[in-house]
Structure formats: C-alpha cells, structure tokens
PDB file of N, CA and C in Angstrom:
ATOM      1  N   MET A   1     -39.564  22.168  18.991  1.00  0.00           N
ATOM      2  CA  MET A   1     -38.967  22.374  20.292  1.00  0.00           C
ATOM      3  C   MET A   1     -37.503  22.783  20.086  1.00  0.00           C
ATOM      4  N   PRO A   2     -37.063  23.849  20.743  1.00  0.00           N
ATOM      5  CA  PRO A   2     -35.655  24.267  20.610  1.00  0.00           C
ATOM      6  C   PRO A   2     -34.698  23.155  21.050  1.00  0.00           C
ATOM      7  N   ALA A   3     -33.518  23.146  20.459  1.00  0.00           N
ATOM      8  CA  ALA A   3     -32.530  22.094  20.743  1.00  0.00           C
ATOM      9  C   ALA A   3     -32.198  22.006  22.225  1.00  0.00           C
ATOM     10  N   LYS A   4     -32.069  23.153  22.922  1.00  0.00           N
ATOM     11  CA  LYS A   4     -31.716  23.073  24.340  1.00  0.00           C
ATOM     12  C   LYS A   4     -32.851  22.476  25.163  1.00  0.00           C
ATOM     13  N   ASP A   5     -34.119  22.690  24.733  1.00  0.00           N
ATOM     14  CA  ASP A   5     -35.242  22.045  25.415  1.00  0.00           C
ATOM     15  C   ASP A   5     -35.220  20.539  25.161  1.00  0.00           C
ATOM     16  N   GLU A   6     -34.913  20.155  23.910  1.00  0.00           N
ATOM     17  CA  GLU A   6     -34.833  18.729  23.590  1.00  0.00           C
ATOM     18  C   GLU A   6     -33.760  18.042  24.426  1.00  0.00           C
ATOM     19  N   PHE A   7     -32.610  18.697  24.578  1.00  0.00           N
ATOM     20  CA  PHE A   7     -31.535  18.112  25.378  1.00  0.00           C
ATOM     21  C   PHE A   7     -31.973  17.968  26.832  1.00  0.00           C
ATOM     22  N   ALA A   8     -32.631  18.979  27.382  1.00  0.00           N
ATOM     23  CA  ALA A   8     -33.105  18.906  28.769  1.00  0.00           C
ATOM     24  C   ALA A   8     -34.090  17.753  28.944  1.00  0.00           C
ATOM     25  N   HIS A   9     -34.974  17.559  27.971  1.00  0.00           N
ATOM     26  CA  HIS A   9     -35.945  16.469  28.072  1.00  0.00           C
ATOM     27  C   HIS A   9     -35.275  15.107  27.887  1.00  0.00           C
ATOM     28  N   HIS A  10     -34.233  15.042  27.071  1.00  0.00           N
ATOM     29  CA  HIS A  10     -33.454  13.798  26.968  1.00  0.00           C
ATOM     30  C   HIS A  10     -32.840  13.473  28.333  1.00  0.00           C
ATOM     31  N   CYS A  11     -32.279  14.478  28.980  1.00  0.00           N
ATOM     32  CA  CYS A  11     -31.688  14.274  30.308  1.00  0.00           C
ATOM     33  C   CYS A  11     -32.748  13.791  31.293  1.00  0.00           C
ATOM     34  N   ALA A  12     -33.935  14.384  31.243  1.00  0.00           N
ATOM     35  CA  ALA A  12     -35.023  13.976  32.135  1.00  0.00           C
ATOM     36  C   ALA A  12     -35.383  12.510  31.914  1.00  0.00           C
ATOM     37  N   GLU A  13     -35.391  12.073  30.664  1.00  0.00           N
ATOM     38  CA  GLU A  13     -35.691  10.671  30.371  1.00  0.00           C
ATOM     39  C   GLU A  13     -34.669   9.733  31.007  1.00  0.00           C
ATOM     40  N   LEU A  14     -33.430  10.188  31.113  1.00  0.00           N
ATOM     41  CA  LEU A  14     -32.390   9.364  31.732  1.00  0.00           C
ATOM     42  C   LEU A  14     -32.666   9.139  33.220  1.00  0.00           C
ATOM     43  N   PHE A  15     -33.406  10.059  33.840  1.00  0.00           N
ATOM     44  CA  PHE A  15     -33.699   9.961  35.280  1.00  0.00           C
ATOM     45  C   PHE A  15     -35.033   9.285  35.575  1.00  0.00           C
ATOM     46  N   ALA A  16     -35.833   8.995  34.570  1.00  0.00           N
ATOM     47  CA  ALA A  16     -37.179   8.455  34.764  1.00  0.00           C
ATOM     48  C   ALA A  16     -37.248   7.230  35.677  1.00  0.00           C
ATOM     49  N   PRO A  17     -36.269   6.302  35.634  1.00  0.00           N
ATOM     50  CA  PRO A  17     -36.362   5.147  36.533  1.00  0.00           C
ATOM     51  C   PRO A  17     -36.307   5.510  38.034  1.00  0.00           C
ATOM     52  N   LEU A  18     -35.848   6.717  38.365  1.00  0.00           N
ATOM     53  CA  LEU A  18     -35.735   7.111  39.777  1.00  0.00           C
ATOM     54  C   LEU A  18     -37.045   7.585  40.373  1.00  0.00           C
ATOM     55  N   GLY A  19     -37.991   7.983  39.543  1.00  0.00           N
ATOM     56  CA  GLY A  19     -39.259   8.502  40.053  1.00  0.00           C
ATOM     57  C   GLY A  19     -39.778   9.605  39.157  1.00  0.00           C
ATOM     58  N   PRO A  20     -40.822  10.296  39.607  1.00  0.00           N
ATOM     59  CA  PRO A  20     -41.395  11.373  38.793  1.00  0.00           C
ATOM     60  C   PRO A  20     -40.369  12.479  38.526  1.00  0.00           C
ATOM     61  N   VAL A  21     -40.226  12.848  37.256  1.00  0.00           N
ATOM     62  CA  VAL A  21     -39.236  13.847  36.838  1.00  0.00           C
ATOM     63  C   VAL A  21     -39.969  15.091  36.342  1.00  0.00           C
ATOM     64  N   ARG A  22     -39.445  16.252  36.735  1.00  0.00           N
ATOM     65  CA  ARG A  22     -39.989  17.525  36.266  1.00  0.00           C
ATOM     66  C   ARG A  22     -38.828  18.384  35.774  1.00  0.00           C
ATOM     67  N   VAL A  23     -39.030  19.032  34.626  1.00  0.00           N
ATOM     68  CA  VAL A  23     -38.040  19.943  34.055  1.00  0.00           C
ATOM     69  C   VAL A  23     -38.605  21.355  34.158  1.00  0.00           C
ATOM     70  N   ALA A  24     -37.784  22.283  34.659  1.00  0.00           N
ATOM     71  CA  ALA A  24     -38.211  23.678  34.771  1.00  0.00           C
ATOM     72  C   ALA A  24     -37.157  24.576  34.135  1.00  0.00           C
ATOM     73  N   ARG A  25     -37.619  25.550  33.362  1.00  0.00           N
ATOM     74  CA  ARG A  25     -36.689  26.526  32.794  1.00  0.00           C
ATOM     75  C   ARG A  25     -36.217  27.447  33.910  1.00  0.00           C
ATOM     76  N   MET A  26     -34.919  27.761  33.852  1.00  0.00           N
ATOM     77  CA  MET A  26     -34.374  28.681  34.846  1.00  0.00           C
ATOM     78  C   MET A  26     -33.061  29.271  34.366  1.00  0.00           C
ATOM     79  N   PHE A  27     -32.885  30.554  34.534  1.00  0.00           N
ATOM     80  CA  PHE A  27     -31.627  31.245  34.255  1.00  0.00           C
ATOM     81  C   PHE A  27     -31.019  30.893  32.900  1.00  0.00           C
ATOM     82  N   GLY A  28     -31.821  30.788  31.875  1.00  0.00           N
ATOM     83  CA  GLY A  28     -31.314  30.474  30.547  1.00  0.00           C
ATOM     84  C   GLY A  28     -31.008  29.004  30.345  1.00  0.00           C
ATOM     85  N   GLY A  29     -31.261  28.184  31.337  1.00  0.00           N
ATOM     86  CA  GLY A  29     -31.050  26.740  31.247  1.00  0.00           C
ATOM     87  C   GLY A  29     -32.277  26.024  31.775  1.00  0.00           C
ATOM     88  N   HIS A  30     -32.055  24.870  32.380  1.00  0.00           N
ATOM     89  CA  HIS A  30     -33.140  24.080  32.955  1.00  0.00           C
ATOM     90  C   HIS A  30     -32.691  23.483  34.278  1.00  0.00           C
ATOM     91  N   GLY A  31     -33.650  23.277  35.143  1.00  0.00           N
ATOM     92  CA  GLY A  31     -33.432  22.517  36.369  1.00  0.00           C
ATOM     93  C   GLY A  31     -34.222  21.233  36.255  1.00  0.00           C
ATOM     94  N   ILE A  32     -33.671  20.154  36.814  1.00  0.00           N
ATOM     95  CA  ILE A  32     -34.369  18.867  36.777  1.00  0.00           C
ATOM     96  C   ILE A  32     -34.600  18.398  38.205  1.00  0.00           C
ATOM     97  N   TYR A  33     -35.853  18.022  38.466  1.00  0.00           N
ATOM     98  CA  TYR A  33     -36.280  17.553  39.774  1.00  0.00           C
ATOM     99  C   TYR A  33     -36.713  16.094  39.664  1.00  0.00           C
ATOM    100  N   VAL A  34     -36.382  15.304  40.671  1.00  0.00           N
ATOM    101  CA  VAL A  34     -36.882  13.936  40.783  1.00  0.00           C
ATOM    102  C   VAL A  34     -37.553  13.841  42.145  1.00  0.00           C
ATOM    103  N   ASP A  35     -38.800  13.413  42.156  1.00  0.00           N
ATOM    104  CA  ASP A  35     -39.585  13.352  43.397  1.00  0.00           C
ATOM    105  C   ASP A  35     -39.533  14.675  44.159  1.00  0.00           C
ATOM    106  N   GLY A  36     -39.548  15.774  43.439  1.00  0.00           N
ATOM    107  CA  GLY A  36     -39.544  17.087  44.058  1.00  0.00           C
ATOM    108  C   GLY A  36     -38.196  17.583  44.541  1.00  0.00           C
ATOM    109  N   LEU A  37     -37.149  16.789  44.358  1.00  0.00           N
ATOM    110  CA  LEU A  37     -35.798  17.175  44.766  1.00  0.00           C
ATOM    111  C   LEU A  37     -35.007  17.672  43.565  1.00  0.00           C
ATOM    112  N   PHE A  38     -34.361  18.814  43.713  1.00  0.00           N
ATOM    113  CA  PHE A  38     -33.565  19.402  42.638  1.00  0.00           C
ATOM    114  C   PHE A  38     -32.260  18.625  42.536  1.00  0.00           C
ATOM    115  N   ILE A  39     -32.054  17.917  41.407  1.00  0.00           N
ATOM    116  CA  ILE A  39     -30.869  17.057  41.298  1.00  0.00           C
ATOM    117  C   ILE A  39     -29.928  17.417  40.153  1.00  0.00           C
ATOM    118  N   ALA A  40     -30.364  18.301  39.233  1.00  0.00           N
ATOM    119  CA  ALA A  40     -29.513  18.549  38.079  1.00  0.00           C
ATOM    120  C   ALA A  40     -29.783  19.908  37.455  1.00  0.00           C
ATOM    121  N   ILE A  41     -28.739  20.411  36.793  1.00  0.00           N
ATOM    122  CA  ILE A  41     -28.807  21.644  36.018  1.00  0.00           C
ATOM    123  C   ILE A  41     -28.421  21.302  34.589  1.00  0.00           C
ATOM    124  N   VAL A  42     -29.177  21.821  33.641  1.00  0.00           N
ATOM    125  CA  VAL A  42     -28.800  21.725  32.232  1.00  0.00           C
ATOM    126  C   VAL A  42     -28.452  23.144  31.806  1.00  0.00           C
ATOM    127  N   ALA A  43     -27.175  23.374  31.523  1.00  0.00           N
ATOM    128  CA  ALA A  43     -26.702  24.702  31.144  1.00  0.00           C
ATOM    129  C   ALA A  43     -25.480  24.563  30.252  1.00  0.00           C
ATOM    130  N   PHE A  44     -25.301  25.531  29.379  1.00  0.00           N
ATOM    131  CA  PHE A  44     -24.122  25.549  28.501  1.00  0.00           C
ATOM    132  C   PHE A  44     -23.988  24.238  27.727  1.00  0.00           C
ATOM    133  N   ASP A  45     -25.117  23.681  27.303  1.00  0.00           N
ATOM    134  CA  ASP A  45     -25.165  22.432  26.532  1.00  0.00           C
ATOM    135  C   ASP A  45     -24.592  21.234  27.274  1.00  0.00           C
ATOM    136  N   SER A  46     -24.664  21.261  28.597  1.00  0.00           N
ATOM    137  CA  SER A  46     -24.163  20.148  29.411  1.00  0.00           C
ATOM    138  C   SER A  46     -25.130  19.848  30.550  1.00  0.00           C
ATOM    139  N   LEU A  47     -25.056  18.632  31.046  1.00  0.00           N
ATOM    140  CA  LEU A  47     -25.806  18.200  32.218  1.00  0.00           C
ATOM    141  C   LEU A  47     -24.863  18.204  33.406  1.00  0.00           C
ATOM    142  N   TYR A  48     -25.301  18.801  34.503  1.00  0.00           N
ATOM    143  CA  TYR A  48     -24.524  18.838  35.741  1.00  0.00           C
ATOM    144  C   TYR A  48     -25.381  18.240  36.847  1.00  0.00           C
ATOM    145  N   LEU A  49     -24.842  17.249  37.550  1.00  0.00           N
ATOM    146  CA  LEU A  49     -25.572  16.561  38.613  1.00  0.00           C
ATOM    147  C   LEU A  49     -25.153  17.083  39.978  1.00  0.00           C
ATOM    148  N   LYS A  50     -26.118  17.155  40.879  1.00  0.00           N
ATOM    149  CA  LYS A  50     -25.862  17.617  42.239  1.00  0.00           C
ATOM    150  C   LYS A  50     -24.865  16.681  42.908  1.00  0.00           C
ATOM    151  N   ALA A  51     -23.932  17.267  43.641  1.00  0.00           N
ATOM    152  CA  ALA A  51     -22.930  16.492  44.376  1.00  0.00           C
ATOM    153  C   ALA A  51     -22.725  17.140  45.745  1.00  0.00           C
ATOM    154  N   ASP A  52     -22.069  16.428  46.619  1.00  0.00           N
ATOM    155  CA  ASP A  52     -21.693  16.953  47.925  1.00  0.00           C
ATOM    156  C   ASP A  52     -20.336  16.371  48.281  1.00  0.00           C
ATOM    157  N   ASP A  53     -19.898  16.572  49.507  1.00  0.00           N
ATOM    158  CA  ASP A  53     -18.570  16.084  49.906  1.00  0.00           C
ATOM    159  C   ASP A  53     -18.434  14.565  49.759  1.00  0.00           C
ATOM    160  N   GLN A  54     -19.545  13.844  49.884  1.00  0.00           N
ATOM    161  CA  GLN A  54     -19.489  12.380  49.761  1.00  0.00           C
ATOM    162  C   GLN A  54     -19.420  11.911  48.313  1.00  0.00           C
ATOM    163  N   THR A  55     -20.056  12.648  47.409  1.00  0.00           N
ATOM    164  CA  THR A  55     -20.155  12.161  46.029  1.00  0.00           C
ATOM    165  C   THR A  55     -19.229  12.869  45.039  1.00  0.00           C
ATOM    166  N   ALA A  56     -18.801  14.075  45.354  1.00  0.00           N
ATOM    167  CA  ALA A  56     -17.943  14.831  44.423  1.00  0.00           C
ATOM    168  C   ALA A  56     -16.676  14.073  44.019  1.00  0.00           C
ATOM    169  N   PRO A  57     -16.009  13.363  44.941  1.00  0.00           N
ATOM    170  CA  PRO A  57     -14.805  12.635  44.517  1.00  0.00           C
ATOM    171  C   PRO A  57     -15.060  11.629  43.385  1.00  0.00           C
ATOM    172  N   ALA A  58     -16.218  10.975  43.385  1.00  0.00           N
ATOM    173  CA  ALA A  58     -16.521  10.014  42.315  1.00  0.00           C
ATOM    174  C   ALA A  58     -16.655  10.731  40.972  1.00  0.00           C
ATOM    175  N   PHE A  59     -17.306  11.883  40.973  1.00  0.00           N
ATOM    176  CA  PHE A  59     -17.437  12.661  39.732  1.00  0.00           C
ATOM    177  C   PHE A  59     -16.069  13.122  39.243  1.00  0.00           C
ATOM    178  N   GLU A  60     -15.262  13.594  40.177  1.00  0.00           N
ATOM    179  CA  GLU A  60     -13.924  14.079  39.809  1.00  0.00           C
ATOM    180  C   GLU A  60     -13.062  12.947  39.255  1.00  0.00           C
ATOM    181  N   GLN A  61     -13.102  11.780  39.922  1.00  0.00           N
ATOM    182  CA  GLN A  61     -12.309  10.629  39.464  1.00  0.00           C
ATOM    183  C   GLN A  61     -12.758  10.134  38.093  1.00  0.00           C
ATOM    184  N   ALA A  62     -14.038  10.337  37.787  1.00  0.00           N
ATOM    185  CA  ALA A  62     -14.569   9.910  36.483  1.00  0.00           C
ATOM    186  C   ALA A  62     -14.295  10.939  35.386  1.00  0.00           C
ATOM    187  N   GLY A  63     -13.595  12.016  35.748  1.00  0.00           N
ATOM    188  CA  GLY A  63     -13.249  13.035  34.762  1.00  0.00           C
ATOM    189  C   GLY A  63     -14.298  14.117  34.589  1.00  0.00           C
ATOM    190  N   GLY A  64     -15.229  14.214  35.536  1.00  0.00           N
ATOM    191  CA  GLY A  64     -16.281  15.217  35.451  1.00  0.00           C
ATOM    192  C   GLY A  64     -15.751  16.637  35.591  1.00  0.00           C
ATOM    193  N   ALA A  65     -16.532  17.565  35.073  1.00  0.00           N
ATOM    194  CA  ALA A  65     -16.213  18.989  35.193  1.00  0.00           C
ATOM    195  C   ALA A  65     -17.215  19.622  36.149  1.00  0.00           C
ATOM    196  N   ARG A  66     -16.725  20.491  37.000  1.00  0.00           N
ATOM    197  CA  ARG A  66     -17.581  21.172  37.971  1.00  0.00           C
ATOM    198  C   ARG A  66     -18.309  22.328  37.283  1.00  0.00           C
ATOM    199  N   PHE A  67     -19.549  22.576  37.686  1.00  0.00           N
ATOM    200  CA  PHE A  67     -20.328  23.675  37.128  1.00  0.00           C
ATOM    201  C   PHE A  67     -19.757  25.002  37.610  1.00  0.00           C
ATOM    202  N   GLN A  68     -19.422  25.851  36.654  1.00  0.00           N
ATOM    203  CA  GLN A  68     -18.887  27.177  36.953  1.00  0.00           C
ATOM    204  C   GLN A  68     -19.545  28.194  36.045  1.00  0.00           C
ATOM    205  N   TYR A  69     -19.658  29.395  36.562  1.00  0.00           N
ATOM    206  CA  TYR A  69     -20.157  30.493  35.738  1.00  0.00           C
ATOM    207  C   TYR A  69     -19.510  31.788  36.209  1.00  0.00           C
ATOM    208  N   GLU A  70     -19.622  32.788  35.379  1.00  0.00           N
ATOM    209  CA  GLU A  70     -19.032  34.079  35.697  1.00  0.00           C
ATOM    210  C   GLU A  70     -20.131  34.996  36.227  1.00  0.00           C
ATOM    211  N   ALA A  71     -19.969  35.464  37.457  1.00  0.00           N
ATOM    212  CA  ALA A  71     -20.961  36.342  38.084  1.00  0.00           C
ATOM    213  C   ALA A  71     -20.583  37.794  37.853  1.00  0.00           C
ATOM    214  N   GLN A  72     -21.530  38.550  37.371  1.00  0.00           N
ATOM    215  CA  GLN A  72     -21.356  39.985  37.129  1.00  0.00           C
ATOM    216  C   GLN A  72     -20.131  40.286  36.281  1.00  0.00           C
ATOM    217  N   GLY A  73     -19.804  39.364  35.381  1.00  0.00           N
ATOM    218  CA  GLY A  73     -18.734  39.590  34.433  1.00  0.00           C
ATOM    219  C   GLY A  73     -17.332  39.639  34.992  1.00  0.00           C
ATOM    220  N   ARG A  74     -17.140  39.253  36.239  1.00  0.00           N
ATOM    221  CA  ARG A  74     -15.784  39.357  36.791  1.00  0.00           C
ATOM    222  C   ARG A  74     -15.399  38.277  37.796  1.00  0.00           C
ATOM    223  N   LYS A  75     -16.358  37.641  38.416  1.00  0.00           N
ATOM    224  CA  LYS A  75     -16.039  36.669  39.459  1.00  0.00           C
ATOM    225  C   LYS A  75     -16.475  35.275  39.014  1.00  0.00           C
ATOM    226  N   ARG A  76     -15.572  34.317  39.130  1.00  0.00           N
ATOM    227  CA  ARG A  76     -15.858  32.926  38.771  1.00  0.00           C
ATOM    228  C   ARG A  76     -16.494  32.239  39.985  1.00  0.00           C
ATOM    229  N   VAL A  77     -17.666  31.629  39.780  1.00  0.00           N
ATOM    230  CA  VAL A  77     -18.400  30.957  40.849  1.00  0.00           C
ATOM    231  C   VAL A  77     -18.512  29.471  40.503  1.00  0.00           C
ATOM    232  N   SER A  78     -18.215  28.602  41.457  1.00  0.00           N
ATOM    233  CA  SER A  78     -18.362  27.155  41.288  1.00  0.00           C
ATOM    234  C   SER A  78     -19.475  26.657  42.199  1.00  0.00           C
ATOM    235  N   LEU A  79     -20.299  25.783  41.675  1.00  0.00           N
ATOM    236  CA  LEU A  79     -21.354  25.171  42.472  1.00  0.00           C
ATOM    237  C   LEU A  79     -21.085  23.676  42.592  1.00  0.00           C
ATOM    238  N   HIS A  80     -21.761  23.030  43.507  1.00  0.00           N
ATOM    239  CA  HIS A  80     -21.569  21.593  43.740  1.00  0.00           C
ATOM    240  C   HIS A  80     -22.405  20.758  42.765  1.00  0.00           C
ATOM    241  N   TYR A  81     -22.141  20.955  41.492  1.00  0.00           N
ATOM    242  CA  TYR A  81     -22.768  20.184  40.414  1.00  0.00           C
ATOM    243  C   TYR A  81     -21.652  19.779  39.465  1.00  0.00           C
ATOM    244  N   TRP A  82     -21.687  18.522  39.010  1.00  0.00           N
ATOM    245  CA  TRP A  82     -20.627  17.966  38.172  1.00  0.00           C
ATOM    246  C   TRP A  82     -21.216  17.261  36.962  1.00  0.00           C
ATOM    247  N   THR A  83     -20.468  17.228  35.875  1.00  0.00           N
ATOM    248  CA  THR A  83     -20.891  16.462  34.705  1.00  0.00           C
ATOM    249  C   THR A  83     -20.653  14.972  34.982  1.00  0.00           C
ATOM    250  N   PRO A  84     -21.561  14.132  34.510  1.00  0.00           N
ATOM    251  CA  PRO A  84     -21.333  12.687  34.604  1.00  0.00           C
ATOM    252  C   PRO A  84     -20.408  12.249  33.466  1.00  0.00           C
ATOM    253  N   PRO A  85     -19.924  11.017  33.506  1.00  0.00           N
ATOM    254  CA  PRO A  85     -19.129  10.511  32.368  1.00  0.00           C
ATOM    255  C   PRO A  85     -19.978  10.539  31.091  1.00  0.00           C
ATOM    256  N   ALA A  86     -19.332  10.774  29.966  1.00  0.00           N
ATOM    257  CA  ALA A  86     -20.037  10.894  28.679  1.00  0.00           C
ATOM    258  C   ALA A  86     -20.912   9.672  28.379  1.00  0.00           C
ATOM    259  N   GLU A  87     -20.424   8.478  28.693  1.00  0.00           N
ATOM    260  CA  GLU A  87     -21.198   7.274  28.379  1.00  0.00           C
ATOM    261  C   GLU A  87     -22.500   7.198  29.176  1.00  0.00           C
ATOM    262  N   ALA A  88     -22.585   7.875  30.301  1.00  0.00           N
ATOM    263  CA  ALA A  88     -23.810   7.871  31.108  1.00  0.00           C
ATOM    264  C   ALA A  88     -24.964   8.551  30.374  1.00  0.00           C
ATOM    265  N   MET A  89     -24.648   9.398  29.411  1.00  0.00           N
ATOM    266  CA  MET A  89     -25.678  10.113  28.654  1.00  0.00           C
ATOM    267  C   MET A  89     -26.387   9.211  27.648  1.00  0.00           C
ATOM    268  N   GLU A  90     -25.902   7.980  27.476  1.00  0.00           N
ATOM    269  CA  GLU A  90     -26.435   7.094  26.456  1.00  0.00           C
ATOM    270  C   GLU A  90     -27.701   6.342  26.859  1.00  0.00           C
ATOM    271  N   SER A  91     -27.886   6.087  28.161  1.00  0.00           N
ATOM    272  CA  SER A  91     -29.064   5.311  28.562  1.00  0.00           C
ATOM    273  C   SER A  91     -29.362   5.511  30.047  1.00  0.00           C
ATOM    274  N   PRO A  92     -30.624   5.260  30.430  1.00  0.00           N
ATOM    275  CA  PRO A  92     -30.963   5.339  31.848  1.00  0.00           C
ATOM    276  C   PRO A  92     -30.144   4.359  32.705  1.00  0.00           C
ATOM    277  N   GLN A  93     -29.813   3.198  32.149  1.00  0.00           N
ATOM    278  CA  GLN A  93     -29.048   2.207  32.906  1.00  0.00           C
ATOM    279  C   GLN A  93     -27.636   2.713  33.200  1.00  0.00           C
ATOM    280  N   LEU A  94     -27.004   3.355  32.224  1.00  0.00           N
ATOM    281  CA  LEU A  94     -25.656   3.879  32.435  1.00  0.00           C
ATOM    282  C   LEU A  94     -25.671   5.132  33.314  1.00  0.00           C
ATOM    283  N   MET A  95     -26.779   5.865  33.282  1.00  0.00           N
ATOM    284  CA  MET A  95     -26.894   7.064  34.110  1.00  0.00           C
ATOM    285  C   MET A  95     -27.255   6.706  35.555  1.00  0.00           C
ATOM    286  N   ALA A  96     -27.863   5.577  35.779  1.00  0.00           N
ATOM    287  CA  ALA A  96     -28.418   5.226  37.090  1.00  0.00           C
ATOM    288  C   ALA A  96     -27.475   5.448  38.273  1.00  0.00           C
ATOM    289  N   PRO A  97     -26.225   4.960  38.259  1.00  0.00           N
ATOM    290  CA  PRO A  97     -25.387   5.167  39.446  1.00  0.00           C
ATOM    291  C   PRO A  97     -25.069   6.646  39.688  1.00  0.00           C
ATOM    292  N   TRP A  98     -24.972   7.427  38.625  1.00  0.00           N
ATOM    293  CA  TRP A  98     -24.673   8.857  38.756  1.00  0.00           C
ATOM    294  C   TRP A  98     -25.906   9.613  39.222  1.00  0.00           C
ATOM    295  N   ALA A  99     -27.055   9.235  38.696  1.00  0.00           N
ATOM    296  CA  ALA A  99     -28.308   9.865  39.108  1.00  0.00           C
ATOM    297  C   ALA A  99     -28.605   9.564  40.578  1.00  0.00           C
ATOM    298  N   ARG A 100     -28.307   8.341  41.005  1.00  0.00           N
ATOM    299  CA  ARG A 100     -28.524   7.992  42.423  1.00  0.00           C
ATOM    300  C   ARG A 100     -27.623   8.820  43.332  1.00  0.00           C
ATOM    301  N   ARG A 101     -26.391   9.056  42.897  1.00  0.00           N
ATOM    302  CA  ARG A 101     -25.492   9.911  43.685  1.00  0.00           C
ATOM    303  C   ARG A 101     -26.085  11.318  43.826  1.00  0.00           C
ATOM    304  N   ALA A 102     -26.611  11.845  42.720  1.00  0.00           N
ATOM    305  CA  ALA A 102     -27.211  13.180  42.743  1.00  0.00           C
ATOM    306  C   ALA A 102     -28.442  13.205  43.647  1.00  0.00           C
ATOM    307  N   LEU A 103     -29.267  12.186  43.553  1.00  0.00           N
ATOM    308  CA  LEU A 103     -30.459  12.110  44.388  1.00  0.00           C
ATOM    309  C   LEU A 103     -30.078  11.977  45.861  1.00  0.00           C
ATOM    310  N   ASP A 104     -29.086  11.154  46.160  1.00  0.00           N
ATOM    311  CA  ASP A 104     -28.621  11.009  47.546  1.00  0.00           C
ATOM    312  C   ASP A 104     -28.088  12.330  48.093  1.00  0.00           C
ATOM    313  N   ALA A 105     -27.342  13.078  47.271  1.00  0.00           N
ATOM    314  CA  ALA A 105     -26.819  14.380  47.693  1.00  0.00           C
ATOM    315  C   ALA A 105     -27.969  15.349  47.955  1.00  0.00           C
ATOM    316  N   ALA A 106     -28.999  15.302  47.135  1.00  0.00           N
ATOM    317  CA  ALA A 106     -30.159  16.172  47.324  1.00  0.00           C
ATOM    318  C   ALA A 106     -30.905  15.818  48.610  1.00  0.00           C
ATOM    319  N   VAL A 107     -31.031  14.526  48.895  1.00  0.00           N
ATOM    320  CA  VAL A 107     -31.693  14.092  50.130  1.00  0.00           C
ATOM    321  C   VAL A 107     -30.894  14.571  51.342  1.00  0.00           C
ATOM    322  N   ARG A 108     -29.585  14.420  51.298  1.00  0.00           N
ATOM    323  CA  ARG A 108     -28.744  14.889  52.423  1.00  0.00           C
ATOM    324  C   ARG A 108     -28.837  16.408  52.582  1.00  0.00           C
ATOM    325  N   ALA A 109     -28.864  17.132  51.460  1.00  0.00           N
ATOM    326  CA  ALA A 109     -28.969  18.595  51.525  1.00  0.00           C
ATOM    327  C   ALA A 109     -30.302  19.013  52.145  1.00  0.00           C
ATOM    328  N   ARG A 110     -31.353  18.317  51.784  1.00  0.00           N
ATOM    329  CA  ARG A 110     -32.673  18.633  52.363  1.00  0.00           C
ATOM    330  C   ARG A 110     -32.672  18.371  53.862  1.00  0.00           C
ATOM    331  N   ALA A 111     -32.042  17.292  54.294  1.00  0.00           N
ATOM    332  CA  ALA A 111     -32.008  16.967  55.721  1.00  0.00           C
ATOM    333  C   ALA A 111     -31.235  18.015  56.523  1.00  0.00           C
ATOM    334  N   LYS A 112     -30.209  18.608  55.901  1.00  0.00           N
ATOM    335  CA  LYS A 112     -29.394  19.625  56.566  1.00  0.00           C
ATOM    336  C   LYS A 112     -30.055  20.998  56.584  1.00  0.00           C
ATOM    337  N   ALA A 113     -30.941  21.244  55.633  1.00  0.00           N
ATOM    338  CA  ALA A 113     -31.532  22.583  55.484  1.00  0.00           C
ATOM    339  C   ALA A 113     -32.353  22.937  56.710  1.00  0.00           C
ATOM    340  N   PRO A 114     -32.251  24.192  57.154  1.00  0.00           N
ATOM    341  CA  PRO A 114     -33.058  24.608  58.300  1.00  0.00           C
ATOM    342  C   PRO A 114     -34.535  24.570  57.940  1.00  0.00           C
ATOM    343  N   LYS A 115     -35.341  24.214  58.907  1.00  0.00           N
ATOM    344  CA  LYS A 115     -36.787  24.165  58.693  1.00  0.00           C
ATOM    345  C   LYS A 115     -37.314  25.584  58.543  1.00  0.00           C
ATOM    346  N   ARG A 116     -38.196  25.773  57.583  1.00  0.00           N
ATOM    347  CA  ARG A 116     -38.814  27.083  57.368  1.00  0.00           C
ATOM    348  C   ARG A 116     -39.972  27.259  58.347  1.00  0.00           C
ATOM    349  N   ALA A 117     -40.076  28.451  58.873  1.00  0.00           N
ATOM    350  CA  ALA A 117     -41.219  28.752  59.737  1.00  0.00           C
ATOM    351  C   ALA A 117     -42.452  28.932  58.871  1.00  0.00           C
ATOM    352  N   THR A 118     -43.565  28.395  59.334  1.00  0.00           N
ATOM    353  CA  THR A 118     -44.799  28.568  58.589  1.00  0.00           C
ATOM    354  C   THR A 118     -45.514  29.816  59.092  1.00  0.00           C
ATOM    355  N   LYS A 119     -46.148  30.517  58.185  1.00  0.00           N
ATOM    356  CA  LYS A 119     -46.876  31.734  58.546  1.00  0.00           C
ATOM    357  C   LYS A 119     -48.225  31.378  59.121  1.00  0.00           C
ATOM    358  N   LYS A 120     -48.593  32.073  60.177  1.00  0.00           N
ATOM    359  CA  LYS A 120     -49.920  31.893  60.759  1.00  0.00           C
ATOM    360  C   LYS A 120     -50.855  32.916  60.128  1.00  0.00           C
ATOM    361  N   ARG A 121     -52.054  32.487  59.851  1.00  0.00           N
ATOM    362  CA  ARG A 121     -53.035  33.397  59.258  1.00  0.00           C
ATOM    363  C   ARG A 121     -54.041  33.815  60.271  1.00  0.00           C
TER     364      ARG A 121
END
C-alpha cells in the first residue's frame, strides 16, 4: 500500500470511535467520511478537519494550519479545514475532541444545505 494510502487509513482509524468510517480517493488525496458525513481531507501529507465559524477558533488557538491550495497556478484558495494538534494524531482518544468538532461542523453544514429536488420518473 502506498505511504499516502497508509496515512489516510491511519487517520480513518483515529475516527473509528465516532461511527462507520469510509476513505475515498479524491484530487490526489483522500476524503474521510464518518456516518456518511464528509469530515476530513488528507492532502499534502497532512490531515485537515472540517471546521466552521463555531469550531475554527479552537483549531486556530491550538496552532492549526488552514487548508490552502493554489488554483490554476495563480490564486491561493483557503477552505474551512484545519490541521489538529500534532498530539491528536497519536490515538483515537486524543483525536476525539477534534474529530467531534469536525463531525459537528459537518452536521451543521448539512442542516444549512438547500434540499435537493428529486427527479420524477
């Protein structure tokens, strides 16, 4: 298994106490879902957890870095995903409060999302 896949699966193991975890390859990295909710990105050899206005300050105060990438080689784009503290990567117990923040942000984002119209056949 390639090293980046191993790292993504290690990250998934850290979230296992929260519920069913799924890892999906995407855009040269991985996405991590818990109970069907997208809560994390694994990219650039780092884990980034979903955040929102309620949870981002905790990540920032803990010294987290915001997920950024360069779009079309010229524009810097930031998303609402942050790295957890380094020690959180050591065990599910240390990751738990950070993972719960990410899961809570995902639940709030889902509640805000407009309902999709279903197609009639």
